[in-house]
C-alpha cells in the first residue's frame, strides 16, 4: 500500500518465437497508439484509384496513385500530432498549412479562372521594348536608334508609373501613348514639385495652427484646460486674424479661490506659422523686456513670447483702469481672457457699428483719454491702434490686440504712436466729429512733446531725431530712460 514501494508486477512467460513475430509487434504498436490517441481521426478514405477502375499500365498514373496514398498517410500523421500536442487545451495549434494538396482529385472545373495568373492580365502595363546594347535596331534605311521619337515616347509613357501615387497619370490600356521628352520632363518636374509641396503641407498641419483649426499640441492644451475644470466647454471660432485665432468658451471653476474665471472666455491661439511674423519681429526684438531672450530663442519659441507680451501689456492696462480683456491664464501660445460680448456674440468692432453723433463724440474723447493713460500711466504705445482693434460694448470703447504694443523708449515707439494718431484722427474726422484733432495735434496731446512743425515731413523728421537721441542715450548709459523733453504732463481731454 505504500506509494513509494515498488509495484507488484507479474511477468508473463512467452516463447522466443512470439517475441520475434512481426504480427505481434504490429498488434502491440496498434494497442499503444489506441491507448495514447483514443479519438484519433480516421484516415480519410477517399476513392483510391485501383487497377479495377483505371488503367495502371501508365507509369504516370501509378506515380499519382502512390503520391496520393502517401499524402493521405502524411495527413493522418499530422492529425495525430495535432491531437497529441493540443490535448484538452483551449488554445490549439493547427498544422493545416502543412497538409498536402491533392490536385489530381480536385472538384474544381477546368474552365475556372485563376486570378493569380497574370500572364495575360489586360490591366498589367506592357514593358517597353528595350533597344539592344549597341543602341540601334535594323539595317540600312530601316535602322531605328534609341533616340527615335516613337521609341522615346513609349518609354516616357511607361516611366510615368514611377511618379508618386498622388500624381494621377490616367489609364492608357489598349492605347499606344507616346510622350515627347519635353512633355515628360515638364510632368516629372511638376510631380516632384507637388510631392515636395504635399510634404510641406503635411508638416505645416502637424506643427502649426491653420486658419480655423489647431495643431495636435494646441488641441492637447485646450483639452487639459477643459479636463481641469477651468473651461466648461469650447463652442467655436469667433475671429481670425493674421497673427491669431480666437475661440469662444464658457468658463468653469478655478483651482484657487483668489482667481475668478469669468462666465464667458475668449481663447486667443497665436498662429505658429512663421510667414506671418517675418515683418513683425521689429516689435519685440528691440523691446528691452524681451531683448535678451529674443536672441537666444528659435523662431517657433518666439511665438510664445508674443502671447506673454500681450499678457503683460493687458495686465498694465487693467491696473490703469483702461477697458480691455481680463487675463485668465497663459499656457505657451494660448492666452485665455475674458470675453467682450454676451451669449457667444462678440462685441462689434468700431468700424462695423453705426453710432449716433453723440456716441461718436463720446467714443472719441474716451479713446483720447485712453491713449493718454496708455502713454503716461502704462508707459505703452499701442502700435496698431485703429477702428479694427477697438470694440464697442456697454456704451464704451474697449481696446484689444496689444501683443505688438511697445514702450515709448522703443527705437520706433514714437513712429508707432504717430501712426496710431493718424488712424484715429482720420476715422473720427470721417465719422463727423468736428472736435477731432489732426494727427500732429493728437500726437502732441498724447505725448506732451509739443513738437512744432508746419508740415508732416518736418514733424516726422523731429520724431526720428528724438528717437535717435534716446537710442544714443541708451547705448551710452545702458538705461532705458526717456530723454524726451516735455512741458509737464499732457492735458487730459474730457467731454
Protein backbone atom coordinates (compact mmCIF):
# COMPACT_ATOMS: atom_id res chain seq x y z
CA UNK A 1 0.00 0.00 0.00
CA UNK A 2 2.99 2.34 0.32
CA UNK A 3 3.08 4.84 -2.56
CA UNK A 4 6.87 4.72 -2.52
CA UNK A 5 7.03 0.98 -2.73
CA UNK A 6 7.86 -0.98 -5.84
CA UNK A 7 4.81 -2.07 -7.86
CA UNK A 8 3.88 -5.73 -7.91
CA UNK A 9 4.30 -6.83 -11.50
CA UNK A 10 3.62 -10.32 -12.70
CA UNK A 11 5.85 -11.45 -15.51
CA UNK A 12 4.16 -13.30 -18.36
CA UNK A 13 6.22 -16.00 -19.86
CA UNK A 14 6.36 -16.23 -23.64
CA UNK A 15 8.39 -18.10 -26.16
CA UNK A 16 11.17 -16.69 -28.29
CA UNK A 17 9.11 -17.27 -31.42
CA UNK A 18 6.35 -14.99 -30.14
CA UNK A 19 8.83 -12.25 -29.36
CA UNK A 20 10.28 -12.40 -32.88
CA UNK A 21 6.85 -12.36 -34.54
CA UNK A 22 6.15 -9.30 -36.74
CA UNK A 23 2.42 -9.68 -36.39
CA UNK A 24 2.69 -9.48 -32.60
CA UNK A 25 4.81 -6.33 -32.87
CA UNK A 26 2.21 -4.64 -35.08
CA UNK A 27 -0.57 -5.58 -32.67
CA UNK A 28 1.37 -4.16 -29.71
CA UNK A 29 2.09 -0.90 -31.60
CA UNK A 30 -1.58 -0.56 -32.53
CA UNK A 31 -2.60 -1.06 -28.89
CA UNK A 32 -0.19 1.67 -27.76
CA UNK A 33 -1.48 4.10 -30.39
CA UNK A 34 -5.10 3.41 -29.43
CA UNK A 35 -4.25 3.96 -25.76
CA UNK A 36 -2.43 7.23 -26.47
CA UNK A 37 -4.93 8.54 -29.06
CA UNK A 38 -8.35 7.07 -28.23
CA UNK A 39 -10.17 9.52 -30.56
CA UNK A 40 -7.82 9.61 -33.47
CA UNK A 41 -9.46 10.87 -36.59
CA UNK A 42 -9.68 8.11 -39.06
CA UNK A 43 -7.67 8.31 -42.20
CA UNK A 44 -9.64 9.86 -44.99
CA UNK A 45 -10.89 7.04 -47.07
CA UNK A 46 -11.10 8.64 -50.44
CA UNK A 47 -11.82 6.95 -53.70
CA UNK A 48 -8.44 5.32 -54.04
CA UNK A 49 -7.56 4.59 -57.60
CA UNK A 50 -7.06 0.89 -58.12
CA UNK A 51 -6.44 -1.28 -61.08
CA UNK A 52 -10.08 -2.25 -61.23
CA UNK A 53 -11.37 1.10 -62.38
CA UNK A 54 -8.34 2.63 -64.07
CA UNK A 55 -5.67 1.60 -66.46
CA UNK A 56 -2.44 1.10 -64.49
CA UNK A 57 -0.25 0.50 -67.47
CA UNK A 58 0.86 4.17 -67.43
CA UNK A 59 3.79 4.97 -65.18
CA UNK A 60 2.38 8.45 -64.59
CA UNK A 61 -0.86 7.02 -63.25
CA UNK A 62 1.00 4.69 -60.91
CA UNK A 63 3.08 7.59 -59.62
CA UNK A 64 -0.06 9.63 -58.98
CA UNK A 65 -1.68 6.72 -57.11
CA UNK A 66 1.38 6.28 -54.90
CA UNK A 67 1.66 10.01 -54.25
CA UNK A 68 -1.98 10.33 -53.22
CA UNK A 69 -1.67 7.38 -50.84
CA UNK A 70 1.46 8.92 -49.32
CA UNK A 71 -0.30 12.26 -48.91
CA UNK A 72 -3.21 10.63 -47.06
CA UNK A 73 -0.88 8.86 -44.68
CA UNK A 74 1.05 12.06 -44.13
CA UNK A 75 -2.16 13.98 -43.33
CA UNK A 76 -3.25 11.30 -40.87
CA UNK A 77 0.11 11.57 -39.12
CA UNK A 78 -0.35 15.37 -38.86
CA UNK A 79 -3.76 14.86 -37.25
CA UNK A 80 -2.27 12.56 -34.66
CA UNK A 81 0.46 15.10 -33.90
CA UNK A 82 -2.16 17.82 -33.51
CA UNK A 83 -4.13 15.71 -31.04
CA UNK A 84 -1.02 14.86 -29.08
CA UNK A 85 0.16 18.49 -28.77
CA UNK A 86 -3.20 20.17 -28.19
CA UNK A 87 -4.80 17.69 -25.81
CA UNK A 88 -7.53 19.46 -23.79
CA UNK A 89 -6.02 22.92 -24.19
CA UNK A 90 -8.38 25.75 -25.15
CA UNK A 91 -5.74 27.24 -27.44
CA UNK A 92 -4.98 24.73 -30.17
CA UNK A 93 -2.24 24.53 -32.76
CA UNK A 94 -3.19 23.69 -36.31
CA UNK A 95 -0.99 22.00 -38.92
CA UNK A 96 -3.41 22.89 -41.70
CA UNK A 97 -0.72 24.73 -43.65
CA UNK A 98 1.46 21.59 -43.68
CA UNK A 99 -1.19 19.31 -45.18
CA UNK A 100 -0.82 18.14 -48.72
CA UNK A 101 -3.00 19.39 -51.54
CA UNK A 102 -4.36 16.78 -53.92
CA UNK A 103 -4.58 18.38 -57.33
CA UNK A 104 -5.49 15.15 -59.04
CA UNK A 105 -8.85 14.60 -57.37
CA UNK A 106 -9.86 18.29 -57.19
CA UNK A 107 -13.54 19.05 -57.80
CA UNK A 108 -12.85 22.43 -59.41
CA UNK A 109 -13.82 22.78 -63.03
CA UNK A 110 -11.17 23.12 -65.66
CA UNK A 111 -12.65 26.32 -67.07
CA UNK A 112 -12.44 28.15 -63.70
CA UNK A 113 -10.50 31.41 -63.97
CA UNK A 114 -7.28 31.53 -61.96
CA UNK A 115 -6.97 35.16 -60.90
CA UNK A 116 -3.42 34.59 -59.65
CA UNK A 117 -2.27 34.01 -63.21
CA UNK A 118 -1.37 37.47 -64.51
CA UNK A 119 0.44 36.38 -67.63
CA UNK A 120 -2.49 37.62 -69.70
CA UNK A 121 -3.73 40.35 -67.35
CA UNK A 122 -5.20 43.15 -69.50
CA UNK A 123 -4.54 45.72 -66.75
CA UNK A 124 -0.87 44.95 -66.45
CA UNK A 125 1.35 47.50 -68.12
CA UNK A 126 3.30 46.24 -71.06
CA UNK A 127 7.03 46.63 -70.75
CA UNK A 128 8.52 48.82 -73.45
CA UNK A 129 10.68 47.10 -75.98
CA UNK A 130 14.25 47.76 -74.97
CA UNK A 131 16.81 48.72 -77.52
CA UNK A 132 19.81 46.43 -77.76
CA UNK A 133 23.16 47.28 -76.23
CA UNK A 134 24.50 48.56 -79.49
CA UNK A 135 21.86 51.31 -79.49
CA UNK A 136 20.04 50.62 -82.75
CA UNK A 137 17.89 48.03 -84.46
CA UNK A 138 17.72 47.17 -88.15
CA UNK A 139 19.95 47.88 -91.07
CA UNK A 140 20.21 50.42 -93.85
CA UNK A 141 17.18 52.63 -94.23
CA UNK A 142 15.19 50.68 -91.62
CA UNK A 143 17.61 51.45 -88.79
CA UNK A 144 15.99 52.65 -85.54
CA UNK A 145 18.16 54.19 -82.83
CA UNK A 146 17.42 54.63 -79.12
CA UNK A 147 16.75 58.32 -79.82
CA UNK A 148 13.86 57.54 -82.11
CA UNK A 149 10.83 59.69 -81.39
CA UNK A 150 8.40 56.76 -81.20
CA UNK A 151 10.69 54.64 -79.01
CA UNK A 152 11.37 57.53 -76.63
CA UNK A 153 7.69 58.40 -76.50
CA UNK A 154 6.70 54.88 -75.44
CA UNK A 155 9.49 54.76 -72.88
CA UNK A 156 8.38 58.05 -71.38
CA UNK A 157 4.80 56.78 -71.12
CA UNK A 158 5.95 53.68 -69.25
CA UNK A 159 8.22 55.73 -66.96
CA UNK A 160 5.25 57.78 -65.76
CA UNK A 161 4.37 54.85 -63.49
CA UNK A 162 7.34 55.80 -61.32
CA UNK A 163 5.67 59.07 -60.32
CA UNK A 164 4.25 59.48 -56.81
CA UNK A 165 0.91 57.73 -56.16
CA UNK A 166 -0.76 61.11 -55.57
CA UNK A 167 0.05 62.15 -59.14
CA UNK A 168 -2.76 60.91 -61.41
CA UNK A 169 -1.30 59.74 -64.73
CA UNK A 170 -4.50 58.34 -66.20
CA UNK A 171 -5.37 54.98 -67.73
CA UNK A 172 -3.89 54.13 -71.11
CA UNK A 173 -4.86 50.47 -71.55
CA UNK A 174 -5.08 49.48 -75.17
CA UNK A 175 -3.70 52.79 -76.40
CA UNK A 176 -0.32 53.37 -77.94
CA UNK A 177 0.59 56.51 -75.99
CA UNK A 178 3.77 58.44 -76.71
CA UNK A 179 5.09 61.41 -74.75
CA UNK A 180 7.81 63.67 -76.05
CA UNK A 181 10.84 64.36 -73.89
CA UNK A 182 9.77 67.95 -73.34
CA UNK A 183 6.32 66.99 -72.06
CA UNK A 184 7.68 64.15 -69.92
CA UNK A 185 10.31 66.36 -68.30
CA UNK A 186 7.69 69.01 -67.54
CA UNK A 187 5.39 66.41 -65.97
CA UNK A 188 8.27 64.93 -64.00
CA UNK A 189 9.24 68.31 -62.59
CA UNK A 190 5.61 69.08 -61.75
CA UNK A 191 5.19 65.72 -59.98
CA UNK A 192 8.35 66.36 -57.97
CA UNK A 193 7.18 69.85 -57.01
CA UNK A 194 3.75 68.57 -55.98
CA UNK A 195 5.35 65.86 -53.86
CA UNK A 196 7.51 68.40 -52.02
CA UNK A 197 4.53 70.74 -51.62
CA UNK A 198 2.45 67.93 -50.15
CA UNK A 199 5.22 67.16 -47.68
CA UNK A 200 5.40 70.81 -46.66
CA UNK A 201 1.63 71.00 -46.19
CA UNK A 202 1.72 67.86 -44.07
CA UNK A 203 4.50 69.34 -41.95
CA UNK A 204 2.55 72.56 -41.63
CA UNK A 205 -0.61 70.78 -40.49
CA UNK A 206 1.26 68.74 -37.91
CA UNK A 207 3.36 71.52 -36.39
CA UNK A 208 1.39 74.72 -36.87
CA UNK A 209 -2.05 76.21 -36.50
CA UNK A 210 -4.15 76.63 -39.62
CA UNK A 211 -6.79 79.24 -40.36
CA UNK A 212 -9.62 77.90 -38.19
CA UNK A 213 -8.01 74.75 -36.84
CA UNK A 214 -5.38 73.95 -34.28
CA UNK A 215 -2.47 71.56 -34.33
CA UNK A 216 -2.35 68.48 -32.04
CA UNK A 217 -0.21 70.23 -29.39
CA UNK A 218 -2.59 73.17 -29.14
CA UNK A 219 -5.55 70.79 -29.05
CA UNK A 220 -3.93 68.99 -26.13
CA UNK A 221 -3.54 72.26 -24.22
CA UNK A 222 -7.23 73.05 -24.71
CA UNK A 223 -8.25 69.53 -23.63
CA UNK A 224 -6.19 69.88 -20.45
CA UNK A 225 -7.95 73.16 -19.62
CA UNK A 226 -11.35 71.52 -20.07
CA UNK A 227 -10.38 68.42 -18.10
CA UNK A 228 -9.03 70.56 -15.25
CA UNK A 229 -12.41 72.30 -15.00
CA UNK A 230 -11.00 75.71 -15.90
CA UNK A 231 -13.18 75.77 -19.01
CA UNK A 232 -16.63 74.26 -19.22
CA UNK A 233 -16.78 73.88 -22.98
CA UNK A 234 -15.32 75.42 -26.14
CA UNK A 235 -18.06 76.48 -28.53
CA UNK A 236 -16.22 77.55 -31.68
CA UNK A 237 -14.21 80.14 -33.58
CA UNK A 238 -15.30 83.77 -33.38
CA UNK A 239 -12.46 85.61 -35.10
CA UNK A 240 -9.42 85.02 -37.27
CA UNK A 241 -6.52 87.37 -37.88
CA UNK A 242 -3.06 87.47 -39.34
CA UNK A 243 -1.45 86.60 -36.03
CA UNK A 244 -4.03 84.56 -34.08
CA UNK A 245 -7.31 82.66 -34.00
CA UNK A 246 -9.86 83.46 -31.26
CA UNK A 247 -12.30 80.88 -29.86
CA UNK A 248 -15.26 81.32 -27.52
CA UNK A 249 -15.57 79.19 -24.38
CA UNK A 250 -17.64 79.02 -21.21
CA UNK A 251 -15.64 79.41 -18.02
CA UNK A 252 -15.52 76.81 -15.29
CA UNK A 253 -14.09 76.78 -11.78
CA UNK A 254 -10.64 77.86 -10.75
CA UNK A 255 -8.35 75.68 -8.67
CA UNK A 256 -7.54 78.63 -6.39
CA UNK A 257 -10.14 80.74 -4.62
CA UNK A 258 -8.38 84.05 -5.26
CA UNK A 259 -8.73 83.70 -9.04
CA UNK A 260 -12.18 84.15 -10.55
CA UNK A 261 -12.89 82.84 -14.04
CA UNK A 262 -15.49 84.85 -15.98
CA UNK A 263 -18.63 83.07 -17.25
CA UNK A 264 -17.56 83.57 -20.88
CA UNK A 265 -13.95 83.44 -22.06
CA UNK A 266 -12.05 84.20 -25.24
CA UNK A 267 -9.21 81.84 -26.12
CA UNK A 268 -6.58 83.50 -28.27
CA UNK A 269 -4.37 80.95 -30.05
CA UNK A 270 -1.34 82.59 -31.64
CA UNK A 271 -0.51 81.07 -35.00
CA UNK A 272 2.72 79.14 -35.08
CA UNK A 273 3.22 79.75 -38.79
CA UNK A 274 6.31 81.89 -39.24
CA UNK A 275 5.46 83.51 -42.55
CA UNK A 276 3.02 85.85 -40.78
CA UNK A 277 5.73 87.15 -38.43
CA UNK A 278 8.65 87.83 -40.74
CA UNK A 279 7.96 91.56 -40.75
CA UNK A 280 6.73 91.76 -37.15
CA UNK A 281 9.92 90.90 -35.26
CA UNK A 282 10.73 94.62 -35.00
CA UNK A 283 8.01 94.94 -32.35
CA UNK A 284 9.75 92.55 -29.98
CA UNK A 285 13.46 92.28 -30.79
CA UNK A 286 14.08 95.92 -29.75
CA UNK A 287 11.83 95.73 -26.67
CA UNK A 288 14.20 95.78 -23.70
CA UNK A 289 11.84 93.49 -21.76
CA UNK A 290 12.45 90.65 -24.24
CA UNK A 291 15.66 91.71 -25.99
CA UNK A 292 17.97 89.33 -24.13
CA UNK A 293 15.64 86.38 -24.56
CA UNK A 294 14.86 87.13 -28.20
CA UNK A 295 18.39 86.41 -29.45
CA UNK A 296 18.55 83.05 -27.67
CA UNK A 297 15.28 81.57 -28.92
CA UNK A 298 14.45 79.79 -32.13
CA UNK A 299 11.70 81.30 -34.28
CA UNK A 300 8.96 78.96 -33.06
CA UNK A 301 9.52 79.81 -29.42
CA UNK A 302 9.23 83.50 -30.26
CA UNK A 303 5.52 82.89 -30.89
CA UNK A 304 5.11 82.08 -27.18
CA UNK A 305 6.82 85.37 -26.41
CA UNK A 306 4.09 87.19 -28.33
CA UNK A 307 1.45 85.66 -26.07
CA UNK A 308 3.50 86.57 -22.99
CA UNK A 309 3.93 90.12 -24.28
CA UNK A 310 0.18 90.55 -24.71
CA UNK A 311 -0.45 89.18 -21.21
CA UNK A 312 1.95 91.72 -19.66
CA UNK A 313 0.50 94.59 -21.69
CA UNK A 314 -3.09 93.68 -20.78
CA UNK A 315 -2.12 93.46 -17.11
CA UNK A 316 -0.68 97.00 -17.24
CA UNK A 317 -3.80 98.34 -18.93
CA UNK A 318 -6.11 96.59 -16.48
CA UNK A 319 -4.24 98.02 -13.50
CA UNK A 320 -4.61 101.50 -15.03
CA UNK A 321 -8.36 101.05 -15.41
CA UNK A 322 -8.39 101.00 -19.23
CA UNK A 323 -11.29 98.90 -20.61
CA UNK A 324 -9.65 95.76 -22.01
CA UNK A 325 -9.99 91.96 -21.70
CA UNK A 326 -9.05 90.47 -18.34
CA UNK A 327 -6.26 87.89 -18.43
CA UNK A 328 -7.24 84.48 -17.02
CA UNK A 329 -4.28 82.22 -17.78
CA UNK A 330 -1.42 81.81 -20.26
CA UNK A 331 -0.26 78.40 -21.48
CA UNK A 332 2.57 78.57 -24.01
CA UNK A 333 0.99 80.26 -27.07
CA UNK A 334 -2.62 80.02 -25.79
CA UNK A 335 -3.97 83.04 -23.88
CA UNK A 336 -7.33 82.80 -22.10
CA UNK A 337 -9.07 86.15 -21.48
CA UNK A 338 -12.49 87.43 -20.55
CA UNK A 339 -14.97 87.62 -23.41
CA UNK A 340 -16.04 91.08 -24.61
CA UNK A 341 -19.61 90.39 -25.64
CA UNK A 342 -22.59 88.37 -24.48
CA UNK A 343 -24.13 84.95 -25.25
CA UNK A 344 -21.39 83.90 -27.69
CA UNK A 345 -21.91 87.11 -29.70
CA UNK A 346 -18.70 89.18 -29.70
CA UNK A 347 -18.88 92.93 -29.36
CA UNK A 348 -18.73 94.64 -32.77
CA UNK A 349 -15.67 96.47 -33.94
CA UNK A 350 -15.83 100.23 -34.09
CA UNK A 351 -15.69 100.11 -37.88
CA UNK A 352 -18.76 97.85 -38.05
CA UNK A 353 -21.06 99.68 -35.65
CA UNK A 354 -23.23 102.68 -36.55
CA UNK A 355 -23.11 105.27 -33.78
CA UNK A 356 -25.04 108.45 -33.32
CA UNK A 357 -23.22 111.76 -33.35
CA UNK A 358 -23.28 111.93 -29.55
CA UNK A 359 -21.95 108.40 -29.16
CA UNK A 360 -19.32 109.08 -31.81
CA UNK A 361 -18.16 112.19 -29.93
CA UNK A 362 -18.22 110.27 -26.64
CA UNK A 363 -16.15 107.45 -28.16
CA UNK A 364 -13.57 109.95 -29.49
CA UNK A 365 -12.94 111.59 -26.13
CA UNK A 366 -12.81 108.20 -24.46
CA UNK A 367 -10.16 106.97 -26.92
CA UNK A 368 -8.19 110.18 -26.49
CA UNK A 369 -8.24 109.71 -22.73
CA UNK A 370 -7.21 106.03 -23.08
CA UNK A 371 -4.29 106.91 -25.35
CA UNK A 372 -3.04 109.39 -22.77
CA UNK A 373 -3.43 106.85 -19.97
CA UNK A 374 -1.69 104.23 -22.07
CA UNK A 375 1.25 106.55 -22.70
CA UNK A 376 1.69 108.12 -19.25
CA UNK A 377 0.38 105.54 -16.75
CA UNK A 378 1.06 102.26 -18.59
CA UNK A 379 4.16 103.55 -20.40
CA UNK A 380 2.93 101.87 -23.59
CA UNK A 381 2.16 102.70 -27.20
CA UNK A 382 -0.49 100.54 -28.84
CA UNK A 383 1.40 100.49 -32.17
CA UNK A 384 -1.61 99.11 -34.08
CA UNK A 385 -4.49 101.28 -32.93
CA UNK A 386 -7.31 101.64 -35.43
CA UNK A 387 -11.04 101.07 -35.72
CA UNK A 388 -10.26 97.38 -36.31
CA UNK A 389 -8.79 96.91 -32.80
CA UNK A 390 -11.45 98.82 -30.84
CA UNK A 391 -14.74 97.23 -29.74
CA UNK A 392 -17.99 98.96 -28.78
CA UNK A 393 -19.61 97.27 -25.78
CA UNK A 394 -21.86 98.56 -22.98
CA UNK A 395 -21.70 102.08 -24.35
CA UNK A 396 -17.91 102.42 -24.27
CA UNK A 397 -14.79 101.53 -26.26
CA UNK A 398 -12.63 98.51 -25.39
CA UNK A 399 -9.05 98.06 -26.59
CA UNK A 400 -7.87 94.66 -27.83
CA UNK A 401 -4.86 93.15 -29.65
CA UNK A 402 -1.96 94.67 -27.70
CA UNK A 403 0.63 91.96 -28.39
CA UNK A 404 2.63 94.37 -30.57
CA UNK A 405 2.44 97.25 -28.06
CA UNK A 406 5.82 98.70 -27.09
CA UNK A 407 7.13 101.29 -24.66
CA UNK A 408 7.77 104.88 -25.84
CA UNK A 409 11.50 104.32 -25.41
CA UNK A 410 11.41 101.71 -28.16
CA UNK A 411 13.59 102.71 -31.15
CA UNK A 412 10.40 103.13 -33.20
CA UNK A 413 7.96 103.88 -30.38
CA UNK A 414 7.20 107.48 -31.39
CA UNK A 415 6.74 106.44 -35.03
CA UNK A 416 4.18 103.87 -33.93
CA UNK A 417 2.41 106.48 -31.81
CA UNK A 418 2.23 108.92 -34.72
CA UNK A 419 0.75 106.18 -36.90
CA UNK A 420 -1.88 105.45 -34.26
CA UNK A 421 -2.75 109.12 -34.05
CA UNK A 422 -3.16 109.29 -37.84
CA UNK A 423 -5.53 106.29 -37.85
CA UNK A 424 -7.67 107.64 -35.00
CA UNK A 425 -7.87 111.18 -36.45
CA UNK A 426 -8.82 110.03 -39.94
CA UNK A 427 -11.51 107.68 -38.62
CA UNK A 428 -13.28 110.22 -36.42
CA UNK A 429 -12.91 113.07 -38.90
CA UNK A 430 -14.66 110.90 -41.48
CA UNK A 431 -17.21 109.95 -38.81
CA UNK A 432 -18.28 113.58 -38.45
CA UNK A 433 -16.63 114.53 -35.15
CA UNK A 434 -15.88 118.24 -35.55
CA UNK A 435 -13.77 118.34 -32.40
CA UNK A 436 -11.37 115.66 -33.70
CA UNK A 437 -7.75 116.82 -33.74
CA UNK A 438 -5.46 116.12 -36.65
CA UNK A 439 -2.63 113.61 -36.28
CA UNK A 440 0.04 116.17 -35.25
CA UNK A 441 -2.18 117.84 -32.66
CA UNK A 442 -3.25 114.47 -31.33
CA UNK A 443 0.36 113.30 -31.10
CA UNK A 444 1.30 116.35 -29.02
CA UNK A 445 -1.81 115.93 -26.87
CA UNK A 446 -0.95 112.31 -26.08
CA UNK A 447 2.82 112.55 -25.70
CA UNK A 448 3.15 116.11 -24.37
CA UNK A 449 6.25 116.70 -26.51
CA UNK A 450 4.80 119.83 -28.18
CA UNK A 451 6.65 119.38 -31.47
CA UNK A 452 6.25 122.49 -33.59
CA UNK A 453 6.38 121.80 -37.31
CA UNK A 454 4.42 123.30 -40.15
CA UNK A 455 4.18 120.16 -42.28
CA UNK A 456 4.11 116.41 -41.75
CA UNK A 457 7.58 115.80 -43.24
CA UNK A 458 9.30 118.08 -40.74
CA UNK A 459 7.14 116.68 -37.96
CA UNK A 460 8.28 113.11 -38.68
CA UNK A 461 11.89 114.29 -39.01
CA UNK A 462 11.75 115.70 -35.47
CA UNK A 463 10.24 112.44 -34.24
CA UNK A 464 13.11 110.47 -35.77
CA UNK A 465 15.61 112.89 -34.21
CA UNK A 466 14.08 112.31 -30.76
CA UNK A 467 14.23 108.54 -31.24
CA UNK A 468 17.86 108.77 -32.33
CA UNK A 469 18.69 110.88 -29.29
CA UNK A 470 17.04 108.37 -26.97
CA UNK A 471 18.80 105.46 -28.65
CA UNK A 472 22.20 107.14 -28.26
CA UNK A 473 21.46 107.72 -24.58
CA UNK A 474 20.65 104.04 -24.16
CA UNK A 475 23.86 102.93 -25.85
CA UNK A 476 25.97 105.32 -23.77
CA UNK A 477 24.38 104.83 -20.36
CA UNK A 478 22.73 101.43 -20.78
CA UNK A 479 19.44 102.62 -19.27
CA UNK A 480 16.01 102.66 -20.81
CA UNK A 481 15.08 106.14 -19.62
CA UNK A 482 13.27 108.61 -21.78
CA UNK A 483 15.24 111.73 -22.70
CA UNK A 484 12.23 113.40 -24.32
CA UNK A 485 11.76 116.97 -23.14
CA UNK A 486 8.15 117.80 -22.44
CA UNK A 487 6.45 120.68 -20.71
CA UNK A 488 4.82 118.73 -17.92
CA UNK A 489 2.04 116.20 -18.28
CA UNK A 490 -0.18 116.36 -21.36
CA UNK A 491 -3.61 117.90 -20.84
CA UNK A 492 -6.37 115.37 -20.12
CA UNK A 493 -9.16 115.91 -22.60
CA UNK A 494 -12.62 115.24 -21.33
CA UNK A 495 -16.01 115.78 -22.80
